[in-house]
Each structure stands twice: as structure tokens, then as C-alpha cells.
Amino acid sequence: MSERNGRVQGKVALVTGGAKGIGRASARLLVAEGAQVLISDIDTQAGQALADELGAAARFIHHDASSEAAWQRVMDSLVEHHG
């Protein structure tokens, strides 16, 4: 893998389905590149474990992407924490 260059330094990213698979890999890469990442997933245990592993640059929120109310809660959380 190439050297990191901070391509997303200072950016905020939402990674849905971020607890496993491609979402997990994306969250890791975004944090490594300097982003603040909100990981969302229905798998609370795996999502929180990943956020804990990634440290201060990552947070987890439980999120059922099929629920409109859950989307509003996620967006409210993003605004609350990142403006």
C-alpha cells in the first residue's frame, strides 16, 4: 500500500455499513488519510469495536439504513459533532 498523504485531512465522512467488509476497510482508510469518520451499522458490537480501534477520529452510531427516522438521527449526530 502506498504512503498516506492526508487526502481527506479535515473532512468528515459517514460510512454506512461500516462495521464489516468494504465499509470497515473504507473507514480504516479514511481515518488513515486524516478524516473524522462516523461509522454506522446495525451491528452495534462490531461497529463500536471498530470505532474504539480507530481512536478519536472515529465514532459509531447504530443505524438501520431502511429507517427514515434513523437517517434523521444520524444526520443530526453529524451536525452536532461536526457542524
N, C-alpha and C. Protein backbone atom coordinates (compact mmCIF):
# COMPACT_ATOMS: atom_id res chain seq x y z
N MET A 1 0.85 -1.17 0.00
CA MET A 1 0.00 0.00 0.00
C MET A 1 0.90 1.23 0.00
N SER A 2 0.47 2.28 -0.67
CA SER A 2 1.28 3.48 -0.80
C SER A 2 1.26 4.30 0.49
N GLU A 3 2.22 5.20 0.60
CA GLU A 3 2.32 6.08 1.74
C GLU A 3 1.10 7.00 1.81
N ARG A 4 0.59 7.24 3.01
CA ARG A 4 -0.58 8.10 3.19
C ARG A 4 -0.19 9.55 2.97
N ASN A 5 -1.10 10.33 2.38
CA ASN A 5 -0.79 11.73 2.15
C ASN A 5 -1.86 12.69 2.67
N GLY A 6 -2.80 12.20 3.47
CA GLY A 6 -3.79 13.09 4.07
C GLY A 6 -4.78 13.68 3.08
N ARG A 7 -5.16 12.90 2.09
CA ARG A 7 -6.06 13.39 1.05
C ARG A 7 -7.39 13.91 1.57
N VAL A 8 -7.82 13.42 2.70
CA VAL A 8 -9.11 13.87 3.25
C VAL A 8 -8.94 14.53 4.62
N GLN A 9 -7.75 15.05 4.87
CA GLN A 9 -7.47 15.74 6.13
C GLN A 9 -8.50 16.84 6.35
N GLY A 10 -9.11 16.85 7.54
CA GLY A 10 -10.08 17.87 7.88
C GLY A 10 -11.48 17.63 7.35
N LYS A 11 -11.70 16.55 6.65
CA LYS A 11 -13.03 16.22 6.13
C LYS A 11 -13.76 15.32 7.11
N VAL A 12 -15.07 15.24 6.95
CA VAL A 12 -15.91 14.35 7.75
C VAL A 12 -16.57 13.36 6.80
N ALA A 13 -16.52 12.08 7.16
CA ALA A 13 -17.10 11.04 6.31
C ALA A 13 -18.09 10.20 7.11
N LEU A 14 -19.18 9.84 6.47
CA LEU A 14 -20.14 8.89 7.01
C LEU A 14 -19.97 7.60 6.23
N VAL A 15 -19.70 6.51 6.95
CA VAL A 15 -19.56 5.21 6.30
C VAL A 15 -20.69 4.32 6.79
N THR A 16 -21.71 4.14 5.94
CA THR A 16 -22.81 3.25 6.29
C THR A 16 -22.37 1.82 6.04
N GLY A 17 -22.87 0.90 6.85
CA GLY A 17 -22.42 -0.48 6.74
C GLY A 17 -20.95 -0.59 7.08
N GLY A 18 -20.49 0.27 8.00
CA GLY A 18 -19.07 0.39 8.28
C GLY A 18 -18.49 -0.62 9.24
N ALA A 19 -19.30 -1.51 9.80
CA ALA A 19 -18.80 -2.44 10.80
C ALA A 19 -18.02 -3.61 10.21
N LYS A 20 -18.27 -3.92 8.96
CA LYS A 20 -17.65 -5.11 8.36
C LYS A 20 -17.33 -4.87 6.89
N GLY A 21 -16.54 -5.76 6.33
CA GLY A 21 -16.30 -5.81 4.90
C GLY A 21 -15.73 -4.53 4.30
N ILE A 22 -16.30 -4.12 3.16
CA ILE A 22 -15.83 -2.93 2.44
C ILE A 22 -16.00 -1.68 3.29
N GLY A 23 -17.10 -1.58 4.03
CA GLY A 23 -17.31 -0.42 4.88
C GLY A 23 -16.23 -0.29 5.95
N ARG A 24 -15.87 -1.40 6.54
CA ARG A 24 -14.81 -1.43 7.57
C ARG A 24 -13.48 -0.98 6.97
N ALA A 25 -13.16 -1.51 5.81
CA ALA A 25 -11.92 -1.14 5.13
C ALA A 25 -11.94 0.35 4.75
N SER A 26 -13.08 0.83 4.31
CA SER A 26 -13.21 2.24 3.94
C SER A 26 -13.01 3.15 5.15
N ALA A 27 -13.63 2.79 6.27
CA ALA A 27 -13.48 3.58 7.49
C ALA A 27 -12.02 3.64 7.91
N ARG A 28 -11.34 2.52 7.87
CA ARG A 28 -9.92 2.48 8.25
C ARG A 28 -9.09 3.39 7.34
N LEU A 29 -9.31 3.30 6.05
CA LEU A 29 -8.56 4.10 5.09
C LEU A 29 -8.85 5.60 5.27
N LEU A 30 -10.11 5.94 5.46
CA LEU A 30 -10.47 7.35 5.65
C LEU A 30 -9.80 7.93 6.89
N VAL A 31 -9.79 7.20 7.99
CA VAL A 31 -9.11 7.66 9.20
C VAL A 31 -7.61 7.78 8.93
N ALA A 32 -7.03 6.80 8.27
CA ALA A 32 -5.60 6.85 7.96
C ALA A 32 -5.24 8.05 7.09
N GLU A 33 -6.19 8.49 6.27
CA GLU A 33 -5.97 9.63 5.38
C GLU A 33 -6.36 10.96 6.02
N GLY A 34 -6.78 10.94 7.29
CA GLY A 34 -7.00 12.18 8.01
C GLY A 34 -8.43 12.60 8.26
N ALA A 35 -9.40 11.82 7.84
CA ALA A 35 -10.80 12.20 8.03
C ALA A 35 -11.29 11.86 9.43
N GLN A 36 -12.33 12.57 9.85
CA GLN A 36 -13.13 12.21 11.00
C GLN A 36 -14.24 11.32 10.44
N VAL A 37 -14.47 10.16 11.03
CA VAL A 37 -15.40 9.19 10.44
C VAL A 37 -16.50 8.82 11.42
N LEU A 38 -17.73 8.89 10.93
CA LEU A 38 -18.88 8.36 11.66
C LEU A 38 -19.23 7.03 11.00
N ILE A 39 -19.07 5.96 11.75
CA ILE A 39 -19.36 4.61 11.28
C ILE A 39 -20.78 4.29 11.68
N SER A 40 -21.60 3.87 10.72
CA SER A 40 -22.96 3.47 11.06
C SER A 40 -23.20 2.04 10.59
N ASP A 41 -23.98 1.32 11.38
CA ASP A 41 -24.27 -0.08 11.05
C ASP A 41 -25.34 -0.58 12.02
N ILE A 42 -25.97 -1.68 11.65
CA ILE A 42 -26.91 -2.32 12.58
C ILE A 42 -26.18 -3.24 13.55
N ASP A 43 -24.94 -3.58 13.26
CA ASP A 43 -24.15 -4.43 14.15
C ASP A 43 -23.40 -3.54 15.15
N THR A 44 -24.05 -3.28 16.27
CA THR A 44 -23.50 -2.37 17.27
C THR A 44 -22.17 -2.85 17.83
N GLN A 45 -22.07 -4.12 18.13
CA GLN A 45 -20.84 -4.64 18.74
C GLN A 45 -19.64 -4.47 17.81
N ALA A 46 -19.78 -4.88 16.55
CA ALA A 46 -18.66 -4.76 15.61
C ALA A 46 -18.36 -3.31 15.28
N GLY A 47 -19.39 -2.50 15.13
CA GLY A 47 -19.19 -1.09 14.81
C GLY A 47 -18.50 -0.34 15.93
N GLN A 48 -18.92 -0.56 17.15
CA GLN A 48 -18.28 0.12 18.29
C GLN A 48 -16.85 -0.36 18.47
N ALA A 49 -16.62 -1.65 18.25
CA ALA A 49 -15.25 -2.18 18.36
C ALA A 49 -14.33 -1.52 17.34
N LEU A 50 -14.82 -1.31 16.13
CA LEU A 50 -14.01 -0.65 15.11
C LEU A 50 -13.74 0.80 15.50
N ALA A 51 -14.76 1.51 15.95
CA ALA A 51 -14.57 2.91 16.36
C ALA A 51 -13.55 2.98 17.50
N ASP A 52 -13.64 2.07 18.46
CA ASP A 52 -12.68 2.05 19.56
C ASP A 52 -11.27 1.80 19.03
N GLU A 53 -11.14 0.89 18.09
CA GLU A 53 -9.84 0.57 17.50
C GLU A 53 -9.25 1.77 16.77
N LEU A 54 -10.09 2.52 16.07
CA LEU A 54 -9.60 3.64 15.26
C LEU A 54 -9.32 4.89 16.08
N GLY A 55 -9.83 4.96 17.29
CA GLY A 55 -9.50 6.06 18.18
C GLY A 55 -10.36 7.29 18.00
N ALA A 56 -9.80 8.43 18.39
CA ALA A 56 -10.55 9.69 18.46
C ALA A 56 -11.10 10.16 17.13
N ALA A 57 -10.56 9.70 16.04
CA ALA A 57 -11.03 10.14 14.71
C ALA A 57 -12.30 9.42 14.27
N ALA A 58 -12.76 8.44 15.05
CA ALA A 58 -13.93 7.67 14.63
C ALA A 58 -14.96 7.59 15.76
N ARG A 59 -16.22 7.58 15.35
CA ARG A 59 -17.33 7.36 16.27
C ARG A 59 -18.26 6.35 15.61
N PHE A 60 -19.06 5.69 16.43
CA PHE A 60 -20.04 4.73 15.92
C PHE A 60 -21.44 5.17 16.32
N ILE A 61 -22.39 4.92 15.42
CA ILE A 61 -23.80 5.12 15.73
C ILE A 61 -24.59 3.94 15.15
N HIS A 62 -25.48 3.38 15.96
CA HIS A 62 -26.36 2.31 15.47
C HIS A 62 -27.28 2.92 14.42
N HIS A 63 -27.43 2.21 13.30
CA HIS A 63 -28.19 2.79 12.18
C HIS A 63 -28.78 1.69 11.30
N ASP A 64 -30.09 1.65 11.27
CA ASP A 64 -30.81 0.79 10.33
C ASP A 64 -31.13 1.66 9.12
N ALA A 65 -30.37 1.50 8.05
CA ALA A 65 -30.48 2.37 6.88
C ALA A 65 -31.84 2.28 6.19
N SER A 66 -32.67 1.32 6.55
CA SER A 66 -34.00 1.23 5.96
C SER A 66 -35.02 2.14 6.67
N SER A 67 -34.59 2.78 7.75
CA SER A 67 -35.48 3.61 8.55
C SER A 67 -35.22 5.09 8.30
N GLU A 68 -36.25 5.80 7.86
CA GLU A 68 -36.12 7.24 7.63
C GLU A 68 -35.80 7.98 8.92
N ALA A 69 -36.42 7.58 10.01
CA ALA A 69 -36.15 8.22 11.31
C ALA A 69 -34.70 8.00 11.73
N ALA A 70 -34.16 6.83 11.44
CA ALA A 70 -32.76 6.55 11.77
C ALA A 70 -31.82 7.44 10.96
N TRP A 71 -32.16 7.70 9.70
CA TRP A 71 -31.35 8.60 8.88
C TRP A 71 -31.32 10.00 9.49
N GLN A 72 -32.46 10.46 9.97
CA GLN A 72 -32.51 11.79 10.58
C GLN A 72 -31.63 11.84 11.82
N ARG A 73 -31.66 10.78 12.62
CA ARG A 73 -30.84 10.72 13.83
C ARG A 73 -29.35 10.74 13.48
N VAL A 74 -28.97 10.02 12.44
CA VAL A 74 -27.56 10.01 12.00
C VAL A 74 -27.14 11.39 11.53
N MET A 75 -27.97 12.05 10.73
CA MET A 75 -27.63 13.37 10.23
C MET A 75 -27.56 14.39 11.37
N ASP A 76 -28.48 14.28 12.33
CA ASP A 76 -28.43 15.16 13.50
C ASP A 76 -27.13 14.96 14.29
N SER A 77 -26.70 13.71 14.41
CA SER A 77 -25.46 13.41 15.12
C SER A 77 -24.25 14.01 14.39
N LEU A 78 -24.25 13.92 13.07
CA LEU A 78 -23.16 14.51 12.29
C LEU A 78 -23.08 16.02 12.52
N VAL A 79 -24.22 16.67 12.43
CA VAL A 79 -24.25 18.13 12.62
C VAL A 79 -23.83 18.49 14.05
N GLU A 80 -24.32 17.74 15.02
CA GLU A 80 -23.99 18.03 16.42
C GLU A 80 -22.49 17.94 16.68
N HIS A 81 -21.85 16.94 16.12
CA HIS A 81 -20.43 16.70 16.40
C HIS A 81 -19.47 17.42 15.44
N HIS A 82 -19.94 17.73 14.24
CA HIS A 82 -19.01 18.26 13.23
C HIS A 82 -19.47 19.55 12.56
N GLY A 83 -20.61 20.08 12.97
CA GLY A 83 -21.09 21.33 12.40
C GLY A 83 -21.69 21.21 11.03
